[in-house]
Amino acid sequence: MARPRRPGDGLSLRERKRLRTRQALVDAATELFLRHGYEGTTVADIAAAADIGTRTFFSYFASKEDLLFPEGDTRVQAALDAIAAR
């Protein structure tokens, strides 16, 4: 009997660790935003809650805003392109 596919199947150990760290950052940020609000939460707070260094945070996200709205610029540009094409 085949085991069901899971997210991360076929990825290297390094890629799976990177995905886990990224998700830990998102989870930590979500919890801190709920408790302290967006403005009351710093990148340092998020990194500490995810048990990584602040510098490592920036390997995953350029800013707190990027964590909250990943690929925001890409989505906005896609919307603008779609409107222009009409």
N, C-alpha and C. Protein backbone atom coordinates (compact mmCIF):
# COMPACT_ATOMS: atom_id res chain seq x y z
N MET A 1 0.85 -1.18 0.00
CA MET A 1 0.00 0.00 0.00
C MET A 1 0.89 1.24 0.00
N ALA A 2 0.67 2.13 -0.93
CA ALA A 2 1.48 3.34 -1.06
C ALA A 2 1.09 4.35 0.00
N ARG A 3 2.10 5.02 0.50
CA ARG A 3 1.80 6.06 1.50
C ARG A 3 1.36 7.32 0.77
N PRO A 4 0.44 8.08 1.37
CA PRO A 4 -0.02 9.32 0.72
C PRO A 4 1.12 10.32 0.58
N ARG A 5 1.09 11.10 -0.49
CA ARG A 5 2.10 12.14 -0.69
C ARG A 5 1.90 13.25 0.33
N ARG A 6 3.00 13.76 0.81
CA ARG A 6 2.98 14.87 1.76
C ARG A 6 3.68 16.05 1.15
N PRO A 7 3.34 17.27 1.64
CA PRO A 7 4.09 18.43 1.16
C PRO A 7 5.57 18.22 1.42
N GLY A 8 6.38 18.51 0.44
CA GLY A 8 7.82 18.36 0.62
C GLY A 8 8.36 17.06 0.07
N ASP A 9 7.47 16.13 -0.34
CA ASP A 9 7.95 14.88 -0.94
C ASP A 9 8.78 15.21 -2.17
N GLY A 10 9.89 14.52 -2.34
CA GLY A 10 10.74 14.75 -3.50
C GLY A 10 11.72 15.89 -3.33
N LEU A 11 11.67 16.58 -2.19
CA LEU A 11 12.59 17.69 -1.94
C LEU A 11 13.80 17.18 -1.17
N SER A 12 14.89 17.88 -1.31
CA SER A 12 16.08 17.53 -0.54
C SER A 12 15.87 17.88 0.93
N LEU A 13 16.72 17.33 1.77
CA LEU A 13 16.65 17.63 3.20
C LEU A 13 16.77 19.13 3.43
N ARG A 14 17.67 19.77 2.73
CA ARG A 14 17.88 21.21 2.87
C ARG A 14 16.60 21.99 2.51
N GLU A 15 15.96 21.60 1.41
CA GLU A 15 14.72 22.27 0.99
C GLU A 15 13.60 22.05 2.01
N ARG A 16 13.51 20.83 2.55
CA ARG A 16 12.48 20.55 3.56
C ARG A 16 12.72 21.37 4.82
N LYS A 17 13.98 21.49 5.25
CA LYS A 17 14.30 22.31 6.43
C LYS A 17 13.94 23.77 6.17
N ARG A 18 14.25 24.24 4.97
CA ARG A 18 13.93 25.63 4.61
C ARG A 18 12.42 25.87 4.66
N LEU A 19 11.64 24.93 4.15
CA LEU A 19 10.18 25.05 4.20
C LEU A 19 9.68 25.04 5.64
N ARG A 20 10.26 24.19 6.48
CA ARG A 20 9.85 24.14 7.90
C ARG A 20 10.18 25.44 8.61
N THR A 21 11.36 26.00 8.34
CA THR A 21 11.74 27.26 8.98
C THR A 21 10.83 28.38 8.52
N ARG A 22 10.54 28.43 7.22
CA ARG A 22 9.64 29.46 6.68
C ARG A 22 8.26 29.35 7.35
N GLN A 23 7.76 28.14 7.48
CA GLN A 23 6.45 27.95 8.11
C GLN A 23 6.50 28.31 9.59
N ALA A 24 7.61 28.01 10.25
CA ALA A 24 7.76 28.39 11.67
C ALA A 24 7.71 29.90 11.83
N LEU A 25 8.31 30.62 10.89
CA LEU A 25 8.26 32.09 10.93
C LEU A 25 6.83 32.59 10.74
N VAL A 26 6.13 32.04 9.79
CA VAL A 26 4.74 32.44 9.54
C VAL A 26 3.88 32.14 10.78
N ASP A 27 4.05 30.96 11.34
CA ASP A 27 3.27 30.58 12.53
C ASP A 27 3.58 31.49 13.71
N ALA A 28 4.87 31.76 13.94
CA ALA A 28 5.26 32.64 15.05
C ALA A 28 4.70 34.04 14.85
N ALA A 29 4.81 34.55 13.63
CA ALA A 29 4.31 35.89 13.35
C ALA A 29 2.81 35.97 13.56
N THR A 30 2.10 34.97 13.09
CA THR A 30 0.64 34.95 13.25
C THR A 30 0.25 35.01 14.72
N GLU A 31 0.91 34.20 15.52
CA GLU A 31 0.61 34.18 16.96
C GLU A 31 0.95 35.53 17.61
N LEU A 32 2.11 36.07 17.28
CA LEU A 32 2.50 37.35 17.87
C LEU A 32 1.61 38.50 17.40
N PHE A 33 1.22 38.50 16.13
CA PHE A 33 0.31 39.54 15.63
C PHE A 33 -1.01 39.48 16.37
N LEU A 34 -1.50 38.28 16.65
CA LEU A 34 -2.76 38.13 17.39
C LEU A 34 -2.63 38.64 18.82
N ARG A 35 -1.49 38.35 19.45
CA ARG A 35 -1.29 38.75 20.84
C ARG A 35 -0.92 40.22 21.01
N HIS A 36 -0.03 40.72 20.15
CA HIS A 36 0.54 42.05 20.36
C HIS A 36 0.19 43.05 19.26
N GLY A 37 -0.48 42.59 18.24
CA GLY A 37 -0.79 43.45 17.10
C GLY A 37 0.39 43.52 16.16
N TYR A 38 0.10 43.95 14.95
CA TYR A 38 1.15 44.05 13.93
C TYR A 38 2.22 45.04 14.34
N GLU A 39 1.81 46.23 14.72
CA GLU A 39 2.77 47.28 15.10
C GLU A 39 3.54 46.92 16.36
N GLY A 40 2.94 46.13 17.24
CA GLY A 40 3.59 45.76 18.49
C GLY A 40 4.52 44.57 18.38
N THR A 41 4.68 44.05 17.18
CA THR A 41 5.54 42.89 16.94
C THR A 41 6.71 43.28 16.06
N THR A 42 7.91 42.95 16.50
CA THR A 42 9.10 43.27 15.72
C THR A 42 9.62 42.03 15.00
N VAL A 43 10.47 42.26 14.03
CA VAL A 43 11.13 41.15 13.35
C VAL A 43 11.93 40.33 14.36
N ALA A 44 12.58 41.01 15.29
CA ALA A 44 13.35 40.31 16.33
C ALA A 44 12.44 39.41 17.16
N ASP A 45 11.22 39.88 17.47
CA ASP A 45 10.26 39.06 18.22
C ASP A 45 9.90 37.80 17.44
N ILE A 46 9.64 37.97 16.16
CA ILE A 46 9.25 36.85 15.31
C ILE A 46 10.39 35.84 15.21
N ALA A 47 11.59 36.34 14.97
CA ALA A 47 12.75 35.45 14.85
C ALA A 47 12.97 34.67 16.15
N ALA A 48 12.89 35.35 17.28
CA ALA A 48 13.08 34.68 18.56
C ALA A 48 12.02 33.61 18.79
N ALA A 49 10.77 33.91 18.46
CA ALA A 49 9.69 32.94 18.65
C ALA A 49 9.86 31.72 17.74
N ALA A 50 10.49 31.93 16.58
CA ALA A 50 10.73 30.83 15.65
C ALA A 50 12.07 30.14 15.92
N ASP A 51 12.79 30.62 16.94
CA ASP A 51 14.07 30.06 17.37
C ASP A 51 15.14 30.16 16.28
N ILE A 52 15.18 31.33 15.63
CA ILE A 52 16.23 31.62 14.66
C ILE A 52 16.77 33.01 14.94
N GLY A 53 17.86 33.36 14.30
CA GLY A 53 18.43 34.69 14.45
C GLY A 53 17.70 35.70 13.56
N THR A 54 17.79 36.95 13.94
CA THR A 54 17.15 38.01 13.16
C THR A 54 17.72 38.06 11.74
N ARG A 55 19.02 37.89 11.59
CA ARG A 55 19.62 37.89 10.26
C ARG A 55 19.05 36.76 9.40
N THR A 56 18.79 35.62 10.02
CA THR A 56 18.23 34.50 9.28
C THR A 56 16.83 34.82 8.79
N PHE A 57 16.06 35.58 9.58
CA PHE A 57 14.73 36.01 9.15
C PHE A 57 14.80 36.61 7.76
N PHE A 58 15.80 37.47 7.54
CA PHE A 58 15.91 38.18 6.28
C PHE A 58 16.37 37.29 5.12
N SER A 59 16.75 36.06 5.42
CA SER A 59 17.01 35.08 4.35
C SER A 59 15.70 34.55 3.78
N TYR A 60 14.64 34.71 4.56
CA TYR A 60 13.33 34.19 4.17
C TYR A 60 12.38 35.29 3.71
N PHE A 61 12.45 36.43 4.36
CA PHE A 61 11.54 37.54 4.07
C PHE A 61 12.33 38.84 4.10
N ALA A 62 12.02 39.75 3.17
CA ALA A 62 12.71 41.04 3.12
C ALA A 62 12.26 41.96 4.25
N SER A 63 11.04 41.74 4.75
CA SER A 63 10.50 42.60 5.79
C SER A 63 9.33 41.90 6.47
N LYS A 64 8.84 42.52 7.51
CA LYS A 64 7.66 42.02 8.19
C LYS A 64 6.46 42.04 7.24
N GLU A 65 6.39 43.06 6.39
CA GLU A 65 5.29 43.19 5.42
C GLU A 65 5.31 42.03 4.42
N ASP A 66 6.51 41.63 3.98
CA ASP A 66 6.62 40.51 3.05
C ASP A 66 6.17 39.20 3.68
N LEU A 67 6.39 39.06 4.96
CA LEU A 67 5.91 37.86 5.65
C LEU A 67 4.39 37.84 5.66
N LEU A 68 3.79 38.97 5.90
CA LEU A 68 2.33 39.07 5.97
C LEU A 68 1.69 38.98 4.60
N PHE A 69 2.34 39.55 3.60
CA PHE A 69 1.82 39.58 2.23
C PHE A 69 2.88 39.05 1.26
N PRO A 70 3.14 37.73 1.28
CA PRO A 70 4.18 37.21 0.41
C PRO A 70 3.84 37.44 -1.06
N GLU A 71 4.85 37.78 -1.82
CA GLU A 71 4.70 38.02 -3.26
C GLU A 71 3.69 39.12 -3.57
N GLY A 72 3.53 40.06 -2.66
CA GLY A 72 2.57 41.15 -2.85
C GLY A 72 2.84 41.96 -4.10
N ASP A 73 4.11 42.30 -4.35
CA ASP A 73 4.46 43.08 -5.54
C ASP A 73 4.11 42.33 -6.81
N THR A 74 4.37 41.03 -6.82
CA THR A 74 4.07 40.21 -7.99
C THR A 74 2.57 40.18 -8.26
N ARG A 75 1.80 40.05 -7.20
CA ARG A 75 0.34 40.00 -7.35
C ARG A 75 -0.21 41.34 -7.84
N VAL A 76 0.30 42.42 -7.31
CA VAL A 76 -0.15 43.75 -7.75
C VAL A 76 0.19 43.95 -9.21
N GLN A 77 1.40 43.57 -9.61
CA GLN A 77 1.80 43.73 -11.01
C GLN A 77 0.94 42.86 -11.92
N ALA A 78 0.61 41.65 -11.52
CA ALA A 78 -0.24 40.78 -12.32
C ALA A 78 -1.62 41.40 -12.50
N ALA A 79 -2.15 42.01 -11.43
CA ALA A 79 -3.45 42.67 -11.51
C ALA A 79 -3.38 43.87 -12.46
N LEU A 80 -2.34 44.66 -12.36
CA LEU A 80 -2.16 45.81 -13.25
C LEU A 80 -2.03 45.37 -14.71
N ASP A 81 -1.31 44.30 -14.94
CA ASP A 81 -1.14 43.77 -16.30
C ASP A 81 -2.49 43.30 -16.85
N ALA A 82 -3.28 42.64 -16.01
CA ALA A 82 -4.59 42.14 -16.44
C ALA A 82 -5.51 43.31 -16.79
N ILE A 83 -5.46 44.35 -15.98
CA ILE A 83 -6.31 45.54 -16.24
C ILE A 83 -5.86 46.21 -17.53
N ALA A 84 -4.56 46.34 -17.73
CA ALA A 84 -4.03 46.99 -18.94
C ALA A 84 -4.39 46.20 -20.19
N ALA A 85 -4.46 44.88 -20.07
CA ALA A 85 -4.77 44.03 -21.22
C ALA A 85 -6.23 44.13 -21.63
N ARG A 86 -7.07 44.62 -20.77
CA ARG A 86 -8.51 44.73 -21.09
C ARG A 86 -8.67 45.90 -22.00
